[in-house]
Amino acid sequence: MGSKLHDLEMIKSKSSFYDLLIYFNEKRVKTSYYSVTCCCPFHKDDSPSFSYNIESRYFHCFGCKVSGDIFKYVMHKLRQQGQPCTFKDSVRFVVDFFELDKDTLGLSDEAKVNYKKKLSALNKFDKVEFKPFTLFNEQDILAMVGARGDFFQDKGFTKETLDYFQVGFDQKEKRVVVPLRDEDGNLAGITGRTIHKDYKEREIPKWKHYINSNVRNVLFNVHNVIKDRNSNNGTAILCEGPSDVMNLFQKGFVNGIACLGNNLTQEKKGILLRNFITVYIFLDADEGGESGAKEIIKQLKGYFNLFKVTGPEGKDPADLTQEEIEIAINNAVKVV
């Protein structure tokens, strides 16, 4: 494994220090917008004097004055358990623990680009043959927005909402599309819904993802919600798809994000941990949504102020009126 600075920073950016503290059974672990605190693992500590800064990705103990990064912490914990641990061992532990893309570490920049293309092409989200892989850029998105016409307005979305989410139209695939962006707003790809109502008879997927990078790292609309996390008190409403988020937004609930399905990857969980304190799980009111909500609750329980939202039976958040949304959220059940 290479140990270039770029690689190490990438690993740290995709890791959740909070998860590691829980894994190693640290005492009195708490998280906020900007830091994670607990009793110091480096000295006998009865009050939380150990603090990890989420932005800088470094920890410091105000008691024993020990400082370092995630790798130093792991080295200490493994040695404390009697396991010999070098710096390289600690990097490997973190990569394995968070199931990161290990094969990209230590590669040349050119090789990394080629690997990402292959990785994206192998991410098959459809049951049909994956078509030739294409990278999308901001110019592509603008062109698709310009080609939108009246598509999707039959769902009741205003032009302002469609423009905010940069909803466009892919003429070649005949799909209404929206961009997928990472935490920093960088374009990670697009996702598109077919306009053909007989898509099952045509044997084409209802939704199709076109990915520039690993979709495991993407929560739809998270970059917008992060910008306003102070005004919404670090609260996110987790839905299944873009249409759900767009409907919530138009009805005044601007902190909706979508997991692009009804399950969470480790990376998406890490995004939530880095940015939010309270999460409302608001999936579709069907069998798949209920099953997905139960699994997500298992993953997130104990990490957040967690609430389970249930809408009217058989309805998706995308189809609810403002009154129905308000009732559902106001009656959300706290997960304890």
Protein backbone atom coordinates (compact mmCIF):
# COMPACT_ATOMS: atom_id res chain seq x y z
CA MET A 1 0.00 0.00 0.00
CA GLY A 2 1.25 3.48 -0.83
CA SER A 3 1.30 6.12 1.88
CA LYS A 4 1.16 9.31 -0.18
CA LEU A 5 -0.27 12.31 1.63
CA HIS A 6 -3.14 12.48 -0.87
CA ASP A 7 -4.09 8.89 -0.13
CA LEU A 8 -3.98 9.35 3.65
CA GLU A 9 -6.12 12.48 3.54
CA MET A 10 -8.60 10.66 1.31
CA ILE A 11 -8.81 7.82 3.81
CA LYS A 12 -9.34 10.22 6.72
CA SER A 13 -12.02 12.15 4.83
CA LYS A 14 -14.01 8.95 4.23
CA SER A 15 -13.68 7.65 7.80
CA SER A 16 -15.86 8.29 10.83
CA PHE A 17 -13.87 8.79 14.03
CA TYR A 18 -17.14 8.42 15.93
CA ASP A 19 -17.57 4.87 14.61
CA LEU A 20 -14.10 3.92 15.81
CA LEU A 21 -14.70 5.35 19.30
CA ILE A 22 -17.87 3.27 19.57
CA TYR A 23 -16.08 0.18 18.23
CA PHE A 24 -13.31 0.49 20.83
CA ASN A 25 -15.84 1.09 23.63
CA GLU A 26 -14.63 4.54 24.67
CA LYS A 27 -16.49 6.19 27.55
CA ARG A 28 -18.97 9.05 27.29
CA VAL A 29 -18.78 9.53 23.53
CA LYS A 30 -20.68 12.57 22.22
CA THR A 31 -20.80 14.24 18.82
CA SER A 32 -21.66 17.77 17.67
CA TYR A 33 -21.48 19.69 14.39
CA TYR A 34 -17.74 20.13 14.57
CA SER A 35 -16.26 17.64 17.03
CA VAL A 36 -16.46 14.29 18.77
CA THR A 37 -15.55 14.05 22.46
CA CYS A 38 -14.99 11.26 24.96
CA CYS A 39 -12.88 10.29 27.96
CA CYS A 40 -9.25 10.19 26.85
CA PRO A 41 -8.01 6.73 25.80
CA PHE A 42 -4.38 7.74 26.43
CA HIS A 43 -4.62 8.38 30.17
CA LYS A 44 -6.98 7.68 33.08
CA ASP A 45 -9.75 10.16 32.52
CA ASP A 46 -13.06 10.54 34.36
CA SER A 47 -14.34 13.53 32.39
CA PRO A 48 -14.29 13.96 28.57
CA SER A 49 -11.05 15.81 27.86
CA PHE A 50 -10.39 14.13 24.50
CA SER A 51 -11.72 15.99 21.43
CA TYR A 52 -11.55 15.14 17.73
CA ASN A 53 -12.06 18.05 15.32
CA ILE A 54 -14.13 16.85 12.34
CA GLU A 55 -12.89 19.59 10.01
CA SER A 56 -9.14 19.34 10.73
CA ARG A 57 -9.34 15.55 11.33
CA TYR A 58 -7.05 15.74 14.36
CA PHE A 59 -7.60 14.92 18.02
CA HIS A 60 -6.20 16.58 21.13
CA CYS A 61 -6.47 15.73 24.81
CA PHE A 62 -6.63 18.81 27.03
CA GLY A 63 -5.53 16.66 29.98
CA CYS A 64 -2.45 14.70 28.88
CA LYS A 65 -1.83 16.93 25.80
CA VAL A 66 -1.56 14.00 23.37
CA SER A 67 -2.46 14.95 19.79
CA GLY A 68 -2.65 13.11 16.50
CA ASP A 69 -4.84 11.72 13.75
CA ILE A 70 -7.02 8.65 13.25
CA PHE A 71 -4.00 6.44 12.51
CA LYS A 72 -2.22 7.35 15.77
CA TYR A 73 -5.41 6.57 17.67
CA VAL A 74 -5.76 3.15 16.02
CA MET A 75 -2.09 2.32 16.64
CA HIS A 76 -2.57 3.10 20.33
CA LYS A 77 -5.76 1.05 20.67
CA LEU A 78 -4.39 -2.02 18.91
CA ARG A 79 -1.17 -1.94 20.93
CA GLN A 80 -3.28 -1.52 24.06
CA GLN A 81 -4.98 -4.80 23.09
CA GLY A 82 -1.60 -6.49 22.77
CA GLN A 83 -1.46 -6.41 18.98
CA PRO A 84 1.78 -5.23 17.34
CA CYS A 85 0.80 -2.28 15.15
CA THR A 86 2.91 -0.15 12.84
CA PHE A 87 1.70 2.97 11.06
CA LYS A 88 1.10 0.88 7.94
CA ASP A 89 -0.95 -1.59 9.99
CA SER A 90 -3.13 1.23 11.32
CA VAL A 91 -3.81 2.52 7.79
CA ARG A 92 -4.77 -0.97 6.68
CA PHE A 93 -7.08 -1.35 9.70
CA VAL A 94 -8.93 1.90 8.89
CA VAL A 95 -9.25 1.02 5.19
CA ASP A 96 -10.66 -2.41 6.02
CA PHE A 97 -12.90 -1.16 8.83
CA PHE A 98 -14.66 1.40 6.61
CA GLU A 99 -14.60 -0.80 3.49
CA LEU A 100 -12.87 1.87 1.44
CA ASP A 101 -11.74 1.40 -2.15
CA LYS A 102 -8.46 -0.20 -1.23
CA ASP A 103 -7.36 -0.84 -4.81
CA THR A 104 -7.05 2.90 -5.51
CA LEU A 105 -4.48 3.46 -2.76
CA GLY A 106 -0.93 3.94 -3.93
CA LEU A 107 -1.83 4.09 -7.64
CA SER A 108 -0.63 6.81 -9.97
CA ASP A 109 -3.06 9.67 -10.70
CA GLU A 110 -3.68 8.30 -14.20
CA ALA A 111 -4.30 4.81 -12.86
CA LYS A 112 -6.73 6.19 -10.27
CA VAL A 113 -8.79 7.88 -12.99
CA ASN A 114 -8.92 4.65 -15.01
CA TYR A 115 -9.83 2.66 -11.91
CA LYS A 116 -12.70 5.04 -11.09
CA LYS A 117 -14.06 4.64 -14.60
CA LYS A 118 -13.91 0.85 -14.34
CA LEU A 119 -15.44 0.94 -10.87
CA SER A 120 -18.29 3.12 -12.06
CA ALA A 121 -18.93 0.95 -15.09
CA LEU A 122 -19.09 -2.12 -12.86
CA ASN A 123 -21.65 -0.53 -10.55
CA LYS A 124 -24.70 -2.04 -12.23
CA PHE A 125 -27.89 -0.59 -10.86
CA ASP A 126 -30.03 -2.05 -13.65
CA LYS A 127 -30.90 -5.59 -14.67
CA VAL A 128 -30.03 -4.74 -18.27
CA GLU A 129 -26.63 -4.62 -19.91
CA PHE A 130 -24.68 -1.55 -18.82
CA LYS A 131 -24.17 0.77 -21.79
CA PRO A 132 -20.81 2.39 -22.63
CA PHE A 133 -19.65 4.44 -19.69
CA THR A 134 -19.79 8.23 -20.03
CA LEU A 135 -18.43 10.91 -17.73
CA PHE A 136 -20.76 13.84 -17.19
CA ASN A 137 -19.76 17.43 -16.50
CA GLU A 138 -21.45 20.70 -15.57
CA GLN A 139 -21.97 21.61 -19.25
CA ASP A 140 -23.91 18.37 -19.74
CA ILE A 141 -26.18 19.24 -16.83
CA LEU A 142 -26.86 22.74 -18.19
CA ALA A 143 -27.67 21.27 -21.60
CA MET A 144 -30.10 18.79 -20.06
CA VAL A 145 -31.76 21.55 -18.02
CA GLY A 146 -32.21 23.50 -21.26
CA ALA A 147 -33.86 20.46 -22.85
CA ARG A 148 -36.29 19.94 -19.98
CA GLY A 149 -39.35 21.59 -21.47
CA ASP A 150 -42.52 20.76 -19.54
CA PHE A 151 -41.39 17.32 -18.43
CA PHE A 152 -41.95 16.60 -14.73
CA GLN A 153 -44.20 19.63 -14.22
CA ASP A 154 -47.14 17.24 -14.38
CA LYS A 155 -45.99 16.13 -10.92
CA GLY A 156 -46.91 19.56 -9.61
CA PHE A 157 -43.38 20.90 -9.27
CA THR A 158 -42.86 24.57 -9.93
CA LYS A 159 -40.20 25.93 -12.26
CA GLU A 160 -38.37 27.29 -9.19
CA THR A 161 -38.16 23.81 -7.67
CA LEU A 162 -37.05 22.22 -10.93
CA ASP A 163 -34.38 24.89 -11.42
CA TYR A 164 -33.14 24.56 -7.82
CA PHE A 165 -32.48 20.85 -8.27
CA GLN A 166 -31.28 21.34 -11.88
CA VAL A 167 -33.84 18.90 -13.21
CA GLY A 168 -33.16 18.22 -16.88
CA PHE A 169 -34.05 15.84 -19.70
CA ASP A 170 -31.81 13.28 -21.40
CA GLN A 171 -33.11 13.19 -24.96
CA LYS A 172 -31.10 10.09 -25.87
CA GLU A 173 -32.31 7.97 -22.96
CA LYS A 174 -35.72 9.66 -22.69
CA ARG A 175 -35.29 10.23 -18.98
CA VAL A 176 -35.95 13.08 -16.60
CA VAL A 177 -32.60 13.54 -14.86
CA VAL A 178 -31.15 15.25 -11.78
CA PRO A 179 -27.47 15.66 -10.85
CA LEU A 180 -25.95 13.69 -7.98
CA ARG A 181 -23.40 15.70 -5.96
CA ASP A 182 -21.05 14.91 -3.09
CA GLU A 183 -20.80 16.78 0.21
CA ASP A 184 -18.84 19.60 -1.42
CA GLY A 185 -21.23 20.00 -4.33
CA ASN A 186 -18.97 18.29 -6.88
CA LEU A 187 -20.79 16.48 -9.66
CA ALA A 188 -20.70 12.73 -9.02
CA GLY A 189 -23.06 11.74 -11.84
CA ILE A 190 -26.76 11.90 -12.65
CA THR A 191 -29.81 9.76 -12.00
CA GLY A 192 -32.72 9.56 -14.41
CA ARG A 193 -36.31 8.32 -14.43
CA THR A 194 -37.86 7.07 -17.67
CA ILE A 195 -40.80 8.97 -19.13
CA HIS A 196 -42.24 5.73 -20.52
CA LYS A 197 -45.19 4.63 -18.40
CA ASP A 198 -44.98 1.14 -19.91
CA TYR A 199 -41.35 0.73 -18.86
CA LYS A 200 -42.02 -2.77 -17.47
CA GLU A 201 -43.40 -3.98 -20.79
CA ARG A 202 -40.46 -2.35 -22.55
CA GLU A 203 -38.13 -4.11 -20.06
CA ILE A 204 -36.27 -0.93 -19.21
CA PRO A 205 -35.43 0.23 -15.66
CA LYS A 206 -37.61 2.90 -14.04
CA TRP A 207 -34.56 4.65 -12.58
CA LYS A 208 -31.05 4.53 -13.98
CA HIS A 209 -27.86 5.95 -12.49
CA TYR A 210 -24.95 7.35 -14.51
CA ILE A 211 -22.04 7.63 -12.14
CA ASN A 212 -18.78 9.61 -12.39
CA SER A 213 -17.64 8.29 -9.01
CA ASN A 214 -18.75 5.70 -6.47
CA VAL A 215 -22.46 6.18 -5.70
CA ARG A 216 -21.77 4.62 -2.29
CA ASN A 217 -20.54 8.10 -1.32
CA VAL A 218 -23.58 10.08 -2.49
CA LEU A 219 -26.70 11.25 -0.66
CA PHE A 220 -28.92 13.30 -2.95
CA ASN A 221 -29.16 17.02 -1.97
CA VAL A 222 -26.84 16.61 1.02
CA HIS A 223 -24.57 19.45 -0.15
CA ASN A 224 -27.47 21.92 -0.01
CA VAL A 225 -28.64 20.75 3.42
CA ILE A 226 -25.10 20.93 4.82
CA LYS A 227 -24.91 24.62 3.85
CA ASP A 228 -27.92 25.34 6.07
CA ARG A 229 -27.30 22.82 8.86
CA ASN A 230 -26.92 25.61 11.44
CA SER A 231 -30.36 27.01 10.60
CA ASN A 232 -31.98 23.56 10.69
CA ASN A 233 -30.19 22.56 13.91
CA GLY A 234 -28.28 19.73 12.27
CA THR A 235 -31.47 17.92 11.26
CA ALA A 236 -31.97 15.90 8.08
CA ILE A 237 -35.03 14.10 6.69
CA LEU A 238 -33.86 10.89 5.01
CA CYS A 239 -35.98 9.74 2.05
CA GLU A 240 -35.58 7.22 -0.75
CA GLY A 241 -35.42 9.25 -3.95
CA PRO A 242 -35.05 12.70 -5.55
CA SER A 243 -38.80 13.12 -6.12
CA ASP A 244 -39.42 12.72 -2.37
CA VAL A 245 -36.83 15.38 -1.55
CA MET A 246 -38.17 17.74 -4.21
CA ASN A 247 -41.73 17.47 -2.92
CA LEU A 248 -40.62 18.10 0.67
CA PHE A 249 -38.63 21.12 -0.52
CA GLN A 250 -41.59 22.60 -2.38
CA LYS A 251 -43.79 22.09 0.68
CA GLY A 252 -41.34 24.01 2.89
CA PHE A 253 -39.21 21.17 4.28
CA VAL A 254 -35.84 22.12 2.83
CA ASN A 255 -33.62 19.65 4.71
CA GLY A 256 -34.58 16.49 2.82
CA ILE A 257 -31.90 14.14 1.50
CA ALA A 258 -32.20 10.82 -0.34
CA CYS A 259 -30.24 7.59 0.00
CA LEU A 260 -31.17 6.58 -3.58
CA GLY A 261 -32.96 3.45 -2.46
CA ASN A 262 -34.03 2.12 0.91
CA ASN A 263 -30.66 1.18 2.38
CA LEU A 264 -27.46 2.83 3.60
CA THR A 265 -23.84 2.02 2.84
CA GLN A 266 -21.08 2.56 5.39
CA GLU A 267 -19.95 5.62 3.44
CA LYS A 268 -23.40 7.20 3.48
CA LYS A 269 -23.66 6.56 7.18
CA GLY A 270 -20.34 8.38 7.53
CA ILE A 271 -21.75 11.41 5.68
CA LEU A 272 -24.65 11.54 8.14
CA LEU A 273 -22.30 11.21 11.14
CA ARG A 274 -20.08 14.03 9.91
CA ASN A 275 -22.89 16.48 9.31
CA PHE A 276 -26.04 15.83 11.34
CA ILE A 277 -27.27 15.28 14.88
CA THR A 278 -30.94 14.46 14.26
CA VAL A 279 -32.28 12.24 11.48
CA TYR A 280 -35.92 11.64 10.51
CA ILE A 281 -36.31 8.42 8.51
CA PHE A 282 -39.12 9.04 6.01
CA LEU A 283 -39.25 6.19 3.49
CA ASP A 284 -42.10 5.04 1.28
CA ALA A 285 -45.16 3.65 3.07
CA ASP A 286 -44.94 0.23 1.45
CA GLU A 287 -43.40 -3.13 2.29
CA GLY A 288 -40.00 -2.19 0.85
CA GLY A 289 -39.96 1.13 2.67
CA GLU A 290 -40.88 -0.42 6.00
CA SER A 291 -38.25 -3.12 5.64
CA GLY A 292 -35.63 -0.55 4.65
CA ALA A 293 -36.54 1.73 7.56
CA LYS A 294 -36.08 -1.10 10.06
CA GLU A 295 -32.63 -1.87 8.69
CA ILE A 296 -31.57 1.80 8.66
CA ILE A 297 -32.76 2.21 12.24
CA LYS A 298 -30.49 -0.70 13.24
CA GLN A 299 -27.56 1.06 11.56
CA LEU A 300 -28.20 4.53 12.99
CA LYS A 301 -29.62 3.77 16.44
CA GLY A 302 -27.43 5.23 19.15
CA TYR A 303 -25.65 7.62 16.79
CA PHE A 304 -28.36 10.28 16.36
CA ASN A 305 -31.54 11.71 17.75
CA LEU A 306 -33.49 9.31 15.57
CA PHE A 307 -37.15 9.45 14.50
CA LYS A 308 -39.28 7.13 12.38
CA VAL A 309 -41.80 8.93 10.15
CA THR A 310 -44.80 7.07 8.73
CA GLY A 311 -46.89 8.61 5.98
CA PRO A 312 -50.37 7.60 4.81
CA GLU A 313 -50.45 3.93 3.83
CA GLY A 314 -49.42 3.26 0.26
CA LYS A 315 -48.15 6.78 -0.39
CA ASP A 316 -44.61 7.98 -1.08
CA PRO A 317 -43.32 11.28 0.39
CA ALA A 318 -43.26 12.50 -3.23
CA ASP A 319 -47.07 12.27 -3.40
CA LEU A 320 -48.04 13.87 -0.08
CA THR A 321 -49.70 17.21 0.48
CA GLN A 322 -48.17 19.78 2.82
CA GLU A 323 -50.74 18.90 5.49
CA GLU A 324 -49.98 15.17 5.19
CA ILE A 325 -46.25 15.83 5.51
CA GLU A 326 -46.73 18.04 8.56
CA ILE A 327 -48.93 15.44 10.25
CA ALA A 328 -46.47 12.63 9.49
CA ILE A 329 -43.44 14.53 10.82
CA ASN A 330 -45.26 15.89 13.86
CA ASN A 331 -46.28 12.32 14.73
CA ALA A 332 -42.85 10.85 14.14
CA VAL A 333 -41.86 8.22 16.70
CA LYS A 334 -38.56 8.72 18.53
CA VAL A 335 -36.30 5.66 18.37
CA VAL A 336 -34.99 4.73 21.81
